[in-house]
C-alpha atoms as a PDB file:
ATOM      1  CA  MET A   1     131.676  91.050 134.611  1.00  0.00           C
ATOM      2  CA  GLU A   2     133.470  92.208 131.426  1.00  0.00           C
ATOM      3  CA  ARG A   3     130.730  90.744 129.252  1.00  0.00           C
ATOM      4  CA  THR A   4     128.057  92.560 131.289  1.00  0.00           C
ATOM      5  CA  MET A   5     129.913  95.862 130.931  1.00  0.00           C
ATOM      6  CA  LEU A   6     130.344  95.242 127.199  1.00  0.00           C
ATOM      7  CA  ASN A   7     126.632  94.454 126.797  1.00  0.00           C
ATOM      8  CA  GLN A   8     125.715  97.606 128.719  1.00  0.00           C
ATOM      9  CA  GLY A   9     128.043  99.658 126.531  1.00  0.00           C
ATOM     10  CA  ILE A  10     126.563  98.208 123.360  1.00  0.00           C
ATOM     11  CA  SER A  11     123.041  98.764 124.664  1.00  0.00           C
ATOM     12  CA  GLN A  12     123.871 102.398 125.389  1.00  0.00           C
ATOM     13  CA  LEU A  13     125.341 102.854 121.906  1.00  0.00           C
ATOM     14  CA  ILE A  14     122.174 101.428 120.376  1.00  0.00           C
ATOM     15  CA  ARG A  15     119.980 103.712 122.515  1.00  0.00           C
ATOM     16  CA  ASP A  16     122.084 106.746 121.588  1.00  0.00           C
ATOM     17  CA  ALA A  17     121.968 105.876 117.872  1.00  0.00           C
ATOM     18  CA  ARG A  18     118.201 105.326 118.026  1.00  0.00           C
ATOM     19  CA  ASN A  19     117.680 108.667 119.793  1.00  0.00           C
ATOM     20  CA  GLU A  20     119.901 110.469 117.284  1.00  0.00           C
ATOM     21  CA  LEU A  21     118.046 108.896 114.363  1.00  0.00           C
ATOM     22  CA  TRP A  22     114.668 109.752 115.893  1.00  0.00           C
ATOM     23  CA  GLY A  23     115.804 113.365 116.357  1.00  0.00           C
ATOM     24  CA  THR A  24     116.916 113.573 112.734  1.00  0.00           C
ATOM     25  CA  ILE A  25     113.647 112.090 111.451  1.00  0.00           C
ATOM     26  CA  THR A  26     111.660 114.490 113.643  1.00  0.00           C
ATOM     27  CA  ASP A  27     113.613 117.478 112.268  1.00  0.00           C
ATOM     28  CA  ILE A  28     113.029 116.339 108.690  1.00  0.00           C
ATOM     29  CA  VAL A  29     109.286 115.888 109.210  1.00  0.00           C
ATOM     30  CA  ARG A  30     108.853 119.215 111.056  1.00  0.00           C
ATOM     31  CA  LYS A  31     110.669 121.273 108.439  1.00  0.00           C
ATOM     32  CA  ASN A  32     109.518 119.464 105.325  1.00  0.00           C
ATOM     33  CA  SER A  33     106.494 117.811 103.830  1.00  0.00           C
ATOM     34  CA  VAL A  34     105.866 114.303 102.595  1.00  0.00           C
ATOM     35  CA  PHE A  35     103.030 113.620 100.161  1.00  0.00           C
ATOM     36  CA  LYS A  36     102.230 111.432  97.168  1.00  0.00           C
ATOM     37  CA  VAL A  37     101.780 112.810  93.664  1.00  0.00           C
ATOM     38  CA  ARG A  38     101.256 111.331  90.238  1.00  0.00           C
ATOM     39  CA  VAL A  39     103.754 112.059  87.510  1.00  0.00           C
ATOM     40  CA  GLY A  40     101.955 113.944  84.748  1.00  0.00           C
ATOM     41  CA  LYS A  41     102.708 114.765  81.135  1.00  0.00           C
ATOM     42  CA  GLN A  42     106.351 115.545  80.441  1.00  0.00           C
ATOM     43  CA  ASN A  43     107.228 113.980  83.844  1.00  0.00           C
ATOM     44  CA  ARG A  44     105.772 116.930  85.779  1.00  0.00           C
ATOM     45  CA  ILE A  45     104.652 116.794  89.382  1.00  0.00           C
ATOM     46  CA  THR A  46     102.474 119.289  91.247  1.00  0.00           C
ATOM     47  CA  ILE A  47     102.865 120.346  94.867  1.00  0.00           C
ATOM     48  CA  PRO A  48      99.391 120.361  96.457  1.00  0.00           C
ATOM     49  CA  ASP A  49      98.179 123.895  97.297  1.00  0.00           C
ATOM     50  CA  ALA A  50      97.925 123.189 101.045  1.00  0.00           C
ATOM     51  CA  GLU A  51     101.498 121.879 101.142  1.00  0.00           C
ATOM     52  CA  ALA A  52     102.885 124.778  99.113  1.00  0.00           C
ATOM     53  CA  GLU A  53     101.094 127.287 101.327  1.00  0.00           C
ATOM     54  CA  ALA A  54     102.235 125.614 104.560  1.00  0.00           C
ATOM     55  CA  LEU A  55     105.852 125.595 103.343  1.00  0.00           C
ATOM     56  CA  GLY A  56     105.719 129.072 101.832  1.00  0.00           C
ATOM     57  CA  VAL A  57     106.643 127.725  98.390  1.00  0.00           C
ATOM     58  CA  LYS A  58     105.760 130.001  95.493  1.00  0.00           C
ATOM     59  CA  GLU A  59     106.030 129.728  91.713  1.00  0.00           C
ATOM     60  CA  GLY A  60     109.656 130.063  90.674  1.00  0.00           C
ATOM     61  CA  ASP A  61     111.065 128.922  94.053  1.00  0.00           C
ATOM     62  CA  LEU A  62     113.800 126.323  94.006  1.00  0.00           C
ATOM     63  CA  VAL A  63     112.937 123.164  95.963  1.00  0.00           C
ATOM     64  CA  GLN A  64     114.661 119.833  96.401  1.00  0.00           C
ATOM     65  CA  VAL A  65     112.782 116.655  95.515  1.00  0.00           C
ATOM     66  CA  ILE A  66     113.571 113.121  96.609  1.00  0.00           C
ATOM     67  CA  ILE A  67     111.912 110.519  94.393  1.00  0.00           C
ATOM     68  CA  ILE A  68     110.841 107.231  95.967  1.00  0.00           C
ATOM     69  CA  PRO A  69     108.843 105.175  93.446  1.00  0.00           C
ATOM     70  CA  LEU A  70     105.887 103.440  95.064  1.00  0.00           C
ATOM     71  CA  ASN A  71     105.313 100.921  92.286  1.00  0.00           C
ATOM     72  CA  ILE A  72     108.700  99.250  91.996  1.00  0.00           C
ATOM     73  CA  PRO A  73     108.473  95.867  90.245  1.00  0.00           C
ATOM     74  CA  GLN A  74     109.223  92.980  92.579  1.00  0.00           C
ATOM     75  CA  LEU A  75     112.011  90.575  91.683  1.00  0.00           C
ATOM     76  CA  THR A  76     111.394  86.880  92.133  1.00  0.00           C
ATOM     77  CA  LYS A  77     113.382  83.818  91.197  1.00  0.00           C
ATOM     78  CA  ASN A  78     112.209  81.523  88.425  1.00  0.00           C
ATOM     79  CA  LYS A  79     112.656  77.770  88.309  1.00  0.00           C
ATOM     80  CA  ASP A  80     116.260  78.245  87.118  1.00  0.00           C
ATOM     81  CA  ASN A  81     116.937  80.364  90.236  1.00  0.00           C
ATOM     82  CA  LYS A  82     117.349  83.526  88.114  1.00  0.00           C
ATOM     83  CA  GLU A  83     115.827  86.833  89.210  1.00  0.00           C
ATOM     84  CA  VAL A  84     112.962  88.069  87.026  1.00  0.00           C
ATOM     85  CA  GLU A  85     110.470  90.957  87.322  1.00  0.00           C
ATOM     86  CA  GLU A  86     106.900  90.079  88.222  1.00  0.00           C
END
């Protein structure tokens, strides 16, 4: 009986956490934009026109950028069991 109640409590905590996380992700996506860009000369990036217009971003506005590299080298282990870049 105690174990069943404990399992139900844990299950409810997991459901609540999942719902809270989903709500946070939904808020982020609704109020922001996610797109891929190439880094240009002098490490510059350009916000696509459609994204800038949809967000109301104009030249000179301050925006926050989160960088997530898409071409991160993978680490593998060599024959000596040491990590090396591929």
